[in-house]
Amino acid sequence: MSKASAKGNWDKVQLYIVSLWLLFLLIIIITIDVPVCFAPDCEFIGVAEFMRLNVIPIVSAALLLLGLIFYWRFRHKIAGSKEIPFTVTELKNINFEHLTFLTTYIIPLICFDLSSTRYAFVLLVLLVLIGAIYVKTDMFYANPTLALLGYHIYKVDGNFRTGVRENIILIARERIAVEDKLHYRKLDERIYYVKVAHDKI
């Protein structure tokens, strides 16, 4: 595997982890165990015991934080793009694919009995397998977290300096229209982070 290919796959893995924010948040809400006592002789159970009771929500919180870091990196990647902007010639909005990922994978996974070590392990294996499938099949862009944060997915044809490219997938914070000129960062052969080029070309 080339260095560029490995870097591209790592970018995809980061986006996949960002897509699981909602799952991690729901797991924390469902599994967190905070002992509450109002008696006068109550004592704190101790950090070690608290962590033992909350292994799953602590791991979920760590992954949530990791997702925040990856999202911050995602937002700043396009800013460093040196690519010459391309022009959109045909465009189709495919935001519905965010919802497909949410209803097909995220919601069913919440039904696992996470109080069982066996089910928690099965959930971990499933998350790894789903991530591998999404990276291999380039479906990682169907990201409900980015949808909640205002990003859009488009399938477009674009006029590049090297010629026309058809059916490429764009992830964008702004609304895009035909004839817009876009700065981009190539994530895969057909998937790009983009923003509208407001500077003069």
N, C-alpha and C. Protein backbone atom coordinates (compact mmCIF):
# COMPACT_ATOMS: atom_id res chain seq x y z
N MET A 1 0.84 -1.20 0.00
CA MET A 1 0.00 0.00 0.00
C MET A 1 0.88 1.25 0.00
N SER A 2 0.58 2.19 -0.90
CA SER A 2 1.38 3.42 -0.98
C SER A 2 1.09 4.33 0.20
N LYS A 3 2.01 5.29 0.41
CA LYS A 3 1.85 6.24 1.51
C LYS A 3 0.57 7.06 1.33
N ALA A 4 0.29 7.47 0.09
CA ALA A 4 -0.91 8.27 -0.19
C ALA A 4 -2.18 7.46 0.07
N SER A 5 -2.15 6.17 -0.31
CA SER A 5 -3.31 5.30 -0.09
C SER A 5 -3.56 5.09 1.39
N ALA A 6 -2.47 4.87 2.15
CA ALA A 6 -2.61 4.67 3.60
C ALA A 6 -3.15 5.92 4.26
N LYS A 7 -2.69 7.09 3.81
CA LYS A 7 -3.17 8.36 4.36
C LYS A 7 -4.65 8.56 4.05
N GLY A 8 -5.04 8.18 2.82
CA GLY A 8 -6.44 8.30 2.43
C GLY A 8 -7.33 7.40 3.27
N ASN A 9 -6.86 6.17 3.53
CA ASN A 9 -7.64 5.24 4.36
C ASN A 9 -7.75 5.76 5.80
N TRP A 10 -6.70 6.36 6.31
CA TRP A 10 -6.74 6.92 7.66
C TRP A 10 -7.75 8.07 7.73
N ASP A 11 -7.81 8.89 6.69
CA ASP A 11 -8.82 9.96 6.63
C ASP A 11 -10.22 9.38 6.67
N LYS A 12 -10.42 8.26 5.98
CA LYS A 12 -11.74 7.62 5.95
C LYS A 12 -12.10 7.05 7.32
N VAL A 13 -11.12 6.44 7.99
CA VAL A 13 -11.36 5.90 9.33
C VAL A 13 -11.75 7.03 10.28
N GLN A 14 -11.08 8.17 10.18
CA GLN A 14 -11.41 9.31 11.03
C GLN A 14 -12.86 9.77 10.80
N LEU A 15 -13.25 9.84 9.54
CA LEU A 15 -14.63 10.23 9.23
C LEU A 15 -15.63 9.22 9.77
N TYR A 16 -15.27 7.94 9.72
CA TYR A 16 -16.15 6.90 10.25
C TYR A 16 -16.34 7.07 11.76
N ILE A 17 -15.26 7.35 12.48
CA ILE A 17 -15.36 7.56 13.92
C ILE A 17 -16.23 8.78 14.22
N VAL A 18 -16.08 9.84 13.42
CA VAL A 18 -16.94 11.02 13.59
C VAL A 18 -18.40 10.65 13.38
N SER A 19 -18.67 9.75 12.44
CA SER A 19 -20.05 9.36 12.14
C SER A 19 -20.73 8.64 13.30
N LEU A 20 -19.91 8.12 14.25
CA LEU A 20 -20.46 7.36 15.38
C LEU A 20 -20.69 8.20 16.63
N TRP A 21 -20.54 9.52 16.54
CA TRP A 21 -20.77 10.40 17.68
C TRP A 21 -22.08 10.10 18.39
N LEU A 22 -23.15 10.05 17.62
CA LEU A 22 -24.48 9.85 18.20
C LEU A 22 -24.55 8.51 18.94
N LEU A 23 -23.95 7.48 18.37
CA LEU A 23 -23.92 6.17 19.02
C LEU A 23 -23.17 6.25 20.34
N PHE A 24 -22.00 6.87 20.34
CA PHE A 24 -21.22 6.98 21.57
C PHE A 24 -21.98 7.77 22.64
N LEU A 25 -22.65 8.83 22.25
CA LEU A 25 -23.41 9.64 23.19
C LEU A 25 -24.55 8.84 23.81
N LEU A 26 -25.28 8.09 22.98
CA LEU A 26 -26.39 7.27 23.48
C LEU A 26 -25.89 6.16 24.39
N ILE A 27 -24.73 5.58 24.05
CA ILE A 27 -24.16 4.53 24.92
C ILE A 27 -23.83 5.11 26.30
N ILE A 28 -23.27 6.31 26.33
CA ILE A 28 -22.95 6.96 27.61
C ILE A 28 -24.22 7.15 28.44
N ILE A 29 -25.27 7.65 27.80
CA ILE A 29 -26.53 7.91 28.51
C ILE A 29 -27.14 6.61 29.05
N ILE A 30 -27.07 5.55 28.24
CA ILE A 30 -27.69 4.28 28.62
C ILE A 30 -26.91 3.55 29.71
N THR A 31 -25.57 3.63 29.67
CA THR A 31 -24.76 2.76 30.54
C THR A 31 -24.13 3.44 31.75
N ILE A 32 -24.09 4.76 31.79
CA ILE A 32 -23.37 5.41 32.90
C ILE A 32 -24.03 5.08 34.24
N ASP A 33 -23.20 4.80 35.22
CA ASP A 33 -23.66 4.40 36.56
C ASP A 33 -23.04 5.37 37.58
N VAL A 34 -23.85 6.33 38.02
CA VAL A 34 -23.38 7.30 39.01
C VAL A 34 -24.12 7.05 40.31
N PRO A 35 -23.46 6.44 41.30
CA PRO A 35 -24.13 6.16 42.59
C PRO A 35 -24.57 7.46 43.26
N VAL A 36 -25.83 7.51 43.65
CA VAL A 36 -26.37 8.69 44.32
C VAL A 36 -26.82 8.32 45.73
N CYS A 37 -26.39 9.10 46.71
CA CYS A 37 -26.74 8.81 48.10
C CYS A 37 -26.98 10.14 48.83
N PHE A 38 -28.11 10.22 49.56
CA PHE A 38 -28.44 11.46 50.28
C PHE A 38 -28.36 11.30 51.80
N ALA A 39 -27.92 10.13 52.25
CA ALA A 39 -27.80 9.90 53.69
C ALA A 39 -26.63 10.69 54.26
N PRO A 40 -26.69 11.07 55.52
CA PRO A 40 -25.62 11.87 56.11
C PRO A 40 -24.26 11.18 56.17
N ASP A 41 -24.25 9.83 56.17
CA ASP A 41 -22.98 9.11 56.28
C ASP A 41 -22.46 8.63 54.91
N CYS A 42 -22.94 9.24 53.85
CA CYS A 42 -22.52 8.84 52.50
C CYS A 42 -21.04 9.16 52.30
N GLU A 43 -20.37 8.29 51.53
CA GLU A 43 -18.98 8.51 51.19
C GLU A 43 -18.77 8.24 49.70
N PHE A 44 -17.83 8.97 49.12
CA PHE A 44 -17.49 8.77 47.71
C PHE A 44 -16.89 7.38 47.54
N ILE A 45 -17.33 6.64 46.53
CA ILE A 45 -16.89 5.26 46.34
C ILE A 45 -15.44 5.16 45.87
N GLY A 46 -14.88 6.27 45.44
CA GLY A 46 -13.50 6.27 44.98
C GLY A 46 -13.40 6.24 43.46
N VAL A 47 -12.33 6.83 42.95
CA VAL A 47 -12.15 6.92 41.50
C VAL A 47 -12.03 5.54 40.86
N ALA A 48 -11.25 4.67 41.48
CA ALA A 48 -11.04 3.33 40.91
C ALA A 48 -12.34 2.56 40.79
N GLU A 49 -13.17 2.61 41.83
CA GLU A 49 -14.45 1.89 41.80
C GLU A 49 -15.40 2.53 40.79
N PHE A 50 -15.40 3.86 40.74
CA PHE A 50 -16.26 4.54 39.76
C PHE A 50 -15.88 4.15 38.34
N MET A 51 -14.57 4.08 38.07
CA MET A 51 -14.12 3.70 36.72
C MET A 51 -14.46 2.24 36.43
N ARG A 52 -14.37 1.38 37.43
CA ARG A 52 -14.73 -0.03 37.23
C ARG A 52 -16.19 -0.18 36.85
N LEU A 53 -17.05 0.64 37.46
CA LEU A 53 -18.49 0.58 37.18
C LEU A 53 -18.85 1.21 35.83
N ASN A 54 -17.92 2.00 35.29
CA ASN A 54 -18.25 2.78 34.09
C ASN A 54 -17.22 2.63 32.97
N VAL A 55 -16.75 1.41 32.78
CA VAL A 55 -15.75 1.17 31.73
C VAL A 55 -16.30 1.55 30.36
N ILE A 56 -17.50 1.07 30.03
CA ILE A 56 -18.07 1.32 28.70
C ILE A 56 -18.34 2.80 28.47
N PRO A 57 -19.02 3.52 29.39
CA PRO A 57 -19.21 4.95 29.13
C PRO A 57 -17.91 5.75 29.08
N ILE A 58 -16.89 5.34 29.83
CA ILE A 58 -15.60 6.04 29.79
C ILE A 58 -14.93 5.84 28.43
N VAL A 59 -14.95 4.60 27.94
CA VAL A 59 -14.40 4.33 26.60
C VAL A 59 -15.17 5.10 25.54
N SER A 60 -16.51 5.13 25.66
CA SER A 60 -17.34 5.86 24.70
C SER A 60 -17.02 7.35 24.74
N ALA A 61 -16.82 7.89 25.94
CA ALA A 61 -16.48 9.31 26.08
C ALA A 61 -15.13 9.62 25.44
N ALA A 62 -14.17 8.68 25.60
CA ALA A 62 -12.86 8.86 24.99
C ALA A 62 -12.96 8.87 23.46
N LEU A 63 -13.79 7.96 22.92
CA LEU A 63 -13.98 7.92 21.47
C LEU A 63 -14.72 9.15 20.97
N LEU A 64 -15.64 9.66 21.79
CA LEU A 64 -16.34 10.89 21.45
C LEU A 64 -15.36 12.05 21.37
N LEU A 65 -14.44 12.12 22.33
CA LEU A 65 -13.41 13.16 22.32
C LEU A 65 -12.49 13.00 21.11
N LEU A 66 -12.13 11.75 20.80
CA LEU A 66 -11.30 11.49 19.63
C LEU A 66 -12.01 11.95 18.37
N GLY A 67 -13.32 11.72 18.31
CA GLY A 67 -14.11 12.19 17.17
C GLY A 67 -14.09 13.70 17.05
N LEU A 68 -14.12 14.40 18.18
CA LEU A 68 -14.03 15.87 18.16
C LEU A 68 -12.71 16.34 17.55
N ILE A 69 -11.63 15.64 17.91
CA ILE A 69 -10.32 15.99 17.36
C ILE A 69 -10.30 15.74 15.86
N PHE A 70 -10.84 14.60 15.44
CA PHE A 70 -10.88 14.28 14.01
C PHE A 70 -11.74 15.27 13.25
N TYR A 71 -12.86 15.69 13.85
CA TYR A 71 -13.71 16.68 13.19
C TYR A 71 -12.98 18.00 13.04
N TRP A 72 -12.23 18.41 14.06
CA TRP A 72 -11.46 19.65 13.98
C TRP A 72 -10.45 19.56 12.82
N ARG A 73 -9.80 18.41 12.69
CA ARG A 73 -8.86 18.21 11.59
C ARG A 73 -9.58 18.24 10.24
N PHE A 74 -10.77 17.63 10.20
CA PHE A 74 -11.57 17.61 8.98
C PHE A 74 -11.89 19.03 8.50
N ARG A 75 -12.27 19.90 9.44
CA ARG A 75 -12.63 21.27 9.10
C ARG A 75 -11.46 22.07 8.56
N HIS A 76 -10.25 21.75 9.00
CA HIS A 76 -9.09 22.54 8.61
C HIS A 76 -8.33 21.99 7.39
N LYS A 77 -8.69 20.78 6.96
CA LYS A 77 -7.97 20.20 5.83
C LYS A 77 -8.20 20.98 4.54
N ILE A 78 -9.43 21.35 4.27
CA ILE A 78 -9.73 22.02 3.01
C ILE A 78 -9.06 23.38 2.93
N ALA A 79 -8.81 24.00 4.10
CA ALA A 79 -8.19 25.33 4.13
C ALA A 79 -6.79 25.31 3.54
N GLY A 80 -6.12 24.15 3.63
CA GLY A 80 -4.76 24.06 3.13
C GLY A 80 -4.66 23.57 1.69
N SER A 81 -5.80 23.43 1.01
CA SER A 81 -5.78 22.89 -0.34
C SER A 81 -5.13 23.87 -1.32
N LYS A 82 -4.24 23.35 -2.18
CA LYS A 82 -3.59 24.16 -3.20
C LYS A 82 -4.12 23.83 -4.59
N GLU A 83 -5.12 22.96 -4.65
CA GLU A 83 -5.65 22.53 -5.94
C GLU A 83 -6.37 23.68 -6.64
N ILE A 84 -6.25 23.72 -7.96
CA ILE A 84 -6.97 24.72 -8.75
C ILE A 84 -8.45 24.38 -8.72
N PRO A 85 -9.33 25.35 -8.42
CA PRO A 85 -10.78 25.06 -8.31
C PRO A 85 -11.35 24.47 -9.60
N PHE A 86 -12.39 23.66 -9.45
CA PHE A 86 -13.10 23.13 -10.61
C PHE A 86 -14.51 23.70 -10.63
N THR A 87 -15.19 23.55 -11.76
CA THR A 87 -16.53 24.09 -11.95
C THR A 87 -17.56 22.97 -12.00
N VAL A 88 -18.65 23.12 -11.23
CA VAL A 88 -19.73 22.13 -11.22
C VAL A 88 -20.56 22.28 -12.49
N THR A 89 -20.74 21.18 -13.21
CA THR A 89 -21.54 21.22 -14.44
C THR A 89 -22.89 20.51 -14.29
N GLU A 90 -22.93 19.47 -13.46
CA GLU A 90 -24.18 18.77 -13.15
C GLU A 90 -24.18 18.46 -11.67
N LEU A 91 -25.39 18.45 -11.05
CA LEU A 91 -25.44 18.30 -9.59
C LEU A 91 -26.69 17.58 -9.14
N LYS A 92 -26.51 16.68 -8.13
CA LYS A 92 -27.64 16.00 -7.51
C LYS A 92 -27.41 15.94 -6.00
N ASN A 93 -28.39 16.36 -5.21
CA ASN A 93 -28.30 16.31 -3.75
C ASN A 93 -28.61 14.89 -3.29
N ILE A 94 -27.69 14.30 -2.49
CA ILE A 94 -27.91 12.93 -1.99
C ILE A 94 -27.82 12.90 -0.46
N ASN A 95 -28.35 13.92 0.20
CA ASN A 95 -28.32 13.98 1.66
C ASN A 95 -29.07 12.83 2.32
N PHE A 96 -29.99 12.18 1.61
CA PHE A 96 -30.76 11.08 2.19
C PHE A 96 -29.85 9.93 2.64
N GLU A 97 -28.63 9.86 2.12
CA GLU A 97 -27.73 8.76 2.49
C GLU A 97 -27.24 8.90 3.94
N HIS A 98 -27.28 10.13 4.49
CA HIS A 98 -26.99 10.30 5.92
C HIS A 98 -27.99 9.49 6.75
N LEU A 99 -29.27 9.62 6.39
CA LEU A 99 -30.35 8.97 7.13
C LEU A 99 -30.27 7.45 6.98
N THR A 100 -29.86 6.99 5.81
CA THR A 100 -29.73 5.55 5.58
C THR A 100 -28.74 4.93 6.56
N PHE A 101 -27.61 5.57 6.75
CA PHE A 101 -26.61 5.06 7.70
C PHE A 101 -27.15 5.06 9.12
N LEU A 102 -27.85 6.13 9.49
CA LEU A 102 -28.38 6.26 10.85
C LEU A 102 -29.39 5.16 11.15
N THR A 103 -30.35 4.95 10.26
CA THR A 103 -31.43 3.99 10.52
C THR A 103 -30.98 2.54 10.34
N THR A 104 -29.99 2.32 9.47
CA THR A 104 -29.54 0.95 9.19
C THR A 104 -28.56 0.43 10.23
N TYR A 105 -27.71 1.31 10.75
CA TYR A 105 -26.63 0.85 11.63
C TYR A 105 -26.69 1.42 13.04
N ILE A 106 -26.76 2.73 13.17
CA ILE A 106 -26.65 3.36 14.49
C ILE A 106 -27.79 2.95 15.42
N ILE A 107 -29.04 3.12 14.98
CA ILE A 107 -30.19 2.85 15.85
C ILE A 107 -30.26 1.38 16.27
N PRO A 108 -30.10 0.40 15.36
CA PRO A 108 -30.14 -1.01 15.81
C PRO A 108 -29.06 -1.36 16.83
N LEU A 109 -27.88 -0.73 16.75
CA LEU A 109 -26.79 -1.06 17.67
C LEU A 109 -27.09 -0.65 19.10
N ILE A 110 -27.98 0.32 19.29
CA ILE A 110 -28.35 0.77 20.63
C ILE A 110 -29.10 -0.32 21.39
N CYS A 111 -29.68 -1.26 20.67
CA CYS A 111 -30.50 -2.31 21.31
C CYS A 111 -29.65 -3.39 21.99
N PHE A 112 -28.34 -3.35 21.84
CA PHE A 112 -27.49 -4.35 22.48
C PHE A 112 -27.54 -4.19 24.00
N ASP A 113 -27.50 -5.32 24.69
CA ASP A 113 -27.44 -5.32 26.16
C ASP A 113 -25.99 -5.11 26.58
N LEU A 114 -25.62 -3.84 26.81
CA LEU A 114 -24.23 -3.52 27.08
C LEU A 114 -23.80 -3.84 28.50
N SER A 115 -24.73 -4.32 29.33
CA SER A 115 -24.35 -4.78 30.67
C SER A 115 -23.70 -6.16 30.60
N SER A 116 -23.83 -6.80 29.45
CA SER A 116 -23.22 -8.11 29.24
C SER A 116 -21.88 -7.93 28.52
N THR A 117 -20.83 -8.51 29.08
CA THR A 117 -19.50 -8.41 28.47
C THR A 117 -19.50 -9.02 27.07
N ARG A 118 -20.21 -10.11 26.90
CA ARG A 118 -20.27 -10.77 25.60
C ARG A 118 -20.89 -9.86 24.55
N TYR A 119 -22.01 -9.21 24.88
CA TYR A 119 -22.67 -8.32 23.92
C TYR A 119 -21.84 -7.07 23.65
N ALA A 120 -21.14 -6.59 24.67
CA ALA A 120 -20.27 -5.43 24.48
C ALA A 120 -19.14 -5.78 23.50
N PHE A 121 -18.61 -6.99 23.62
CA PHE A 121 -17.55 -7.44 22.70
C PHE A 121 -18.10 -7.59 21.29
N VAL A 122 -19.30 -8.15 21.17
CA VAL A 122 -19.92 -8.31 19.85
C VAL A 122 -20.14 -6.94 19.21
N LEU A 123 -20.57 -5.95 20.00
CA LEU A 123 -20.75 -4.59 19.48
C LEU A 123 -19.44 -4.04 18.95
N LEU A 124 -18.36 -4.23 19.69
CA LEU A 124 -17.04 -3.75 19.26
C LEU A 124 -16.64 -4.39 17.93
N VAL A 125 -16.83 -5.71 17.83
CA VAL A 125 -16.49 -6.42 16.59
C VAL A 125 -17.33 -5.89 15.42
N LEU A 126 -18.63 -5.67 15.67
CA LEU A 126 -19.50 -5.15 14.61
C LEU A 126 -19.07 -3.76 14.15
N LEU A 127 -18.70 -2.91 15.10
CA LEU A 127 -18.26 -1.56 14.74
C LEU A 127 -17.00 -1.60 13.87
N VAL A 128 -16.08 -2.50 14.21
CA VAL A 128 -14.86 -2.64 13.41
C VAL A 128 -15.20 -3.16 12.01
N LEU A 129 -16.09 -4.17 11.94
CA LEU A 129 -16.47 -4.73 10.64
C LEU A 129 -17.21 -3.72 9.78
N ILE A 130 -18.15 -2.99 10.38
CA ILE A 130 -18.90 -1.98 9.63
C ILE A 130 -17.95 -0.90 9.12
N GLY A 131 -17.00 -0.50 9.99
CA GLY A 131 -16.02 0.51 9.58
C GLY A 131 -15.18 0.03 8.40
N ALA A 132 -14.74 -1.23 8.46
CA ALA A 132 -13.94 -1.79 7.37
C ALA A 132 -14.73 -1.82 6.07
N ILE A 133 -16.00 -2.21 6.16
CA ILE A 133 -16.86 -2.25 4.97
C ILE A 133 -17.07 -0.86 4.41
N TYR A 134 -17.33 0.12 5.29
CA TYR A 134 -17.57 1.47 4.82
C TYR A 134 -16.34 2.09 4.19
N VAL A 135 -15.16 1.77 4.71
CA VAL A 135 -13.93 2.30 4.11
C VAL A 135 -13.67 1.62 2.76
N LYS A 136 -13.84 0.30 2.71
CA LYS A 136 -13.57 -0.44 1.47
C LYS A 136 -14.54 -0.08 0.36
N THR A 137 -15.81 0.16 0.73
CA THR A 137 -16.83 0.44 -0.29
C THR A 137 -17.03 1.94 -0.52
N ASP A 138 -16.22 2.78 0.18
CA ASP A 138 -16.30 4.23 0.02
C ASP A 138 -17.66 4.81 0.38
N MET A 139 -18.35 4.17 1.35
CA MET A 139 -19.63 4.70 1.81
C MET A 139 -19.48 5.51 3.10
N PHE A 140 -18.25 5.77 3.52
CA PHE A 140 -17.98 6.47 4.77
C PHE A 140 -18.50 7.91 4.77
N TYR A 141 -18.77 8.45 3.57
CA TYR A 141 -19.26 9.83 3.50
C TYR A 141 -20.70 9.96 3.99
N ALA A 142 -21.44 8.83 4.08
CA ALA A 142 -22.82 8.87 4.59
C ALA A 142 -22.75 9.01 6.10
N ASN A 143 -22.63 10.24 6.55
CA ASN A 143 -22.22 10.53 7.93
C ASN A 143 -23.27 11.37 8.65
N PRO A 144 -24.08 10.76 9.54
CA PRO A 144 -25.14 11.52 10.20
C PRO A 144 -24.63 12.64 11.09
N THR A 145 -23.42 12.50 11.63
CA THR A 145 -22.84 13.57 12.46
C THR A 145 -22.61 14.82 11.62
N LEU A 146 -22.04 14.64 10.42
CA LEU A 146 -21.81 15.79 9.55
C LEU A 146 -23.13 16.42 9.12
N ALA A 147 -24.17 15.59 8.95
CA ALA A 147 -25.49 16.12 8.60
C ALA A 147 -26.00 17.02 9.72
N LEU A 148 -25.85 16.58 10.97
CA LEU A 148 -26.29 17.39 12.12
C LEU A 148 -25.50 18.68 12.23
N LEU A 149 -24.25 18.66 11.76
CA LEU A 149 -23.40 19.84 11.84
C LEU A 149 -23.52 20.73 10.60
N GLY A 150 -24.47 20.39 9.72
CA GLY A 150 -24.77 21.28 8.60
C GLY A 150 -24.07 20.96 7.29
N TYR A 151 -23.44 19.79 7.18
CA TYR A 151 -22.78 19.43 5.93
C TYR A 151 -23.77 18.77 4.97
N HIS A 152 -23.45 18.84 3.70
CA HIS A 152 -24.30 18.29 2.64
C HIS A 152 -23.48 17.35 1.77
N ILE A 153 -24.19 16.39 1.15
CA ILE A 153 -23.54 15.47 0.21
C ILE A 153 -24.14 15.70 -1.18
N TYR A 154 -23.27 15.78 -2.17
CA TYR A 154 -23.71 15.96 -3.55
C TYR A 154 -23.01 14.95 -4.45
N LYS A 155 -23.72 14.54 -5.49
CA LYS A 155 -23.09 13.79 -6.57
C LYS A 155 -23.05 14.73 -7.77
N VAL A 156 -21.87 14.98 -8.32
CA VAL A 156 -21.76 15.99 -9.36
C VAL A 156 -20.87 15.52 -10.51
N ASP A 157 -21.00 16.23 -11.62
CA ASP A 157 -20.00 16.21 -12.69
C ASP A 157 -19.26 17.52 -12.59
N GLY A 158 -17.95 17.48 -12.77
CA GLY A 158 -17.15 18.70 -12.64
C GLY A 158 -16.16 18.87 -13.76
N ASN A 159 -15.94 20.12 -14.13
CA ASN A 159 -14.97 20.47 -15.17
C ASN A 159 -13.66 20.86 -14.50
N PHE A 160 -12.69 19.95 -14.51
CA PHE A 160 -11.38 20.17 -13.90
C PHE A 160 -10.38 20.64 -14.96
N ARG A 161 -9.24 21.09 -14.46
CA ARG A 161 -8.17 21.52 -15.36
C ARG A 161 -7.75 20.40 -16.30
N THR A 162 -7.84 19.15 -15.81
CA THR A 162 -7.43 18.00 -16.61
C THR A 162 -8.57 17.37 -17.41
N GLY A 163 -9.77 17.94 -17.29
CA GLY A 163 -10.91 17.40 -18.03
C GLY A 163 -12.13 17.22 -17.15
N VAL A 164 -13.17 16.61 -17.69
CA VAL A 164 -14.43 16.41 -16.96
C VAL A 164 -14.38 15.13 -16.15
N ARG A 165 -14.83 15.20 -14.89
CA ARG A 165 -14.97 14.02 -14.05
C ARG A 165 -16.44 13.87 -13.69
N GLU A 166 -16.96 12.65 -13.84
CA GLU A 166 -18.39 12.41 -13.65
C GLU A 166 -18.67 11.61 -12.38
N ASN A 167 -19.84 11.88 -11.81
CA ASN A 167 -20.34 11.13 -10.64
C ASN A 167 -19.37 11.13 -9.46
N ILE A 168 -18.76 12.27 -9.19
CA ILE A 168 -17.92 12.38 -8.01
C ILE A 168 -18.79 12.82 -6.82
N ILE A 169 -18.36 12.46 -5.62
CA ILE A 169 -19.11 12.77 -4.40
C ILE A 169 -18.44 13.94 -3.69
N LEU A 170 -19.23 14.94 -3.33
CA LEU A 170 -18.71 16.11 -2.62
C LEU A 170 -19.31 16.19 -1.22
N ILE A 171 -18.46 16.51 -0.24
CA ILE A 171 -18.90 16.82 1.12
C ILE A 171 -18.66 18.30 1.32
N ALA A 172 -19.72 19.06 1.60
CA ALA A 172 -19.60 20.52 1.65
C ALA A 172 -20.41 21.11 2.79
N ARG A 173 -19.90 22.17 3.39
CA ARG A 173 -20.63 22.89 4.43
C ARG A 173 -21.64 23.85 3.81
N GLU A 174 -21.30 24.36 2.64
CA GLU A 174 -22.15 25.34 1.96
C GLU A 174 -23.08 24.65 0.98
N ARG A 175 -24.15 25.36 0.63
CA ARG A 175 -25.00 24.89 -0.46
C ARG A 175 -24.26 25.11 -1.77
N ILE A 176 -24.35 24.14 -2.66
CA ILE A 176 -23.64 24.20 -3.93
C ILE A 176 -24.63 24.23 -5.07
N ALA A 177 -24.28 24.97 -6.12
CA ALA A 177 -25.14 25.07 -7.30
C ALA A 177 -24.30 24.85 -8.55
N VAL A 178 -24.98 24.54 -9.64
CA VAL A 178 -24.31 24.40 -10.93
C VAL A 178 -23.61 25.71 -11.27
N GLU A 179 -22.42 25.61 -11.82
CA GLU A 179 -21.55 26.73 -12.19
C GLU A 179 -20.71 27.27 -11.04
N ASP A 180 -20.92 26.75 -9.82
CA ASP A 180 -20.05 27.15 -8.71
C ASP A 180 -18.63 26.63 -8.97
N LYS A 181 -17.65 27.44 -8.54
CA LYS A 181 -16.26 27.01 -8.59
C LYS A 181 -15.87 26.58 -7.17
N LEU A 182 -15.23 25.43 -7.06
CA LEU A 182 -14.98 24.83 -5.75
C LEU A 182 -13.51 24.52 -5.52
N HIS A 183 -13.00 24.94 -4.35
CA HIS A 183 -11.73 24.44 -3.87
C HIS A 183 -11.98 23.03 -3.36
N TYR A 184 -10.99 22.16 -3.45
CA TYR A 184 -11.24 20.79 -3.02
C TYR A 184 -10.00 20.13 -2.44
N ARG A 185 -10.26 19.11 -1.65
CA ARG A 185 -9.21 18.21 -1.18
C ARG A 185 -9.66 16.80 -1.49
N LYS A 186 -8.87 16.09 -2.24
CA LYS A 186 -9.24 14.76 -2.70
C LYS A 186 -9.04 13.75 -1.58
N LEU A 187 -10.12 13.07 -1.21
CA LEU A 187 -10.04 12.04 -0.17
C LEU A 187 -9.93 10.66 -0.80
N ASP A 188 -10.55 10.50 -1.94
CA ASP A 188 -10.56 9.24 -2.66
C ASP A 188 -10.67 9.59 -4.14
N GLU A 189 -10.61 8.59 -5.00
CA GLU A 189 -10.69 8.86 -6.44
C GLU A 189 -11.96 9.60 -6.83
N ARG A 190 -13.04 9.39 -6.07
CA ARG A 190 -14.30 10.05 -6.44
C ARG A 190 -14.94 10.83 -5.29
N ILE A 191 -14.22 11.04 -4.19
CA ILE A 191 -14.81 11.72 -3.04
C ILE A 191 -13.92 12.89 -2.62
N TYR A 192 -14.55 14.07 -2.43
CA TYR A 192 -13.79 15.28 -2.17
C TYR A 192 -14.42 16.10 -1.03
N TYR A 193 -13.58 16.74 -0.22
CA TYR A 193 -14.02 17.83 0.66
C TYR A 193 -13.99 19.08 -0.22
N VAL A 194 -15.01 19.90 -0.16
CA VAL A 194 -15.00 21.10 -1.00
C VAL A 194 -15.54 22.32 -0.25
N LYS A 195 -15.18 23.50 -0.76
CA LYS A 195 -15.81 24.74 -0.33
C LYS A 195 -15.87 25.66 -1.54
N VAL A 196 -16.83 26.55 -1.56
CA VAL A 196 -17.01 27.45 -2.69
C VAL A 196 -15.83 28.41 -2.76
N ALA A 197 -15.30 28.59 -3.95
CA ALA A 197 -14.18 29.51 -4.16
C ALA A 197 -14.71 30.91 -4.34
N HIS A 198 -14.53 31.76 -3.32
CA HIS A 198 -15.01 33.13 -3.41
C HIS A 198 -13.96 34.09 -3.96
N ASP A 199 -12.71 33.58 -4.04
CA ASP A 199 -11.65 34.44 -4.59
C ASP A 199 -11.75 34.43 -6.12
N LYS A 200 -11.11 35.37 -6.73
CA LYS A 200 -11.14 35.48 -8.18
C LYS A 200 -10.21 34.43 -8.79
N ILE A 201 -10.70 33.79 -9.81
CA ILE A 201 -9.90 32.75 -10.49
C ILE A 201 -9.20 33.33 -11.69
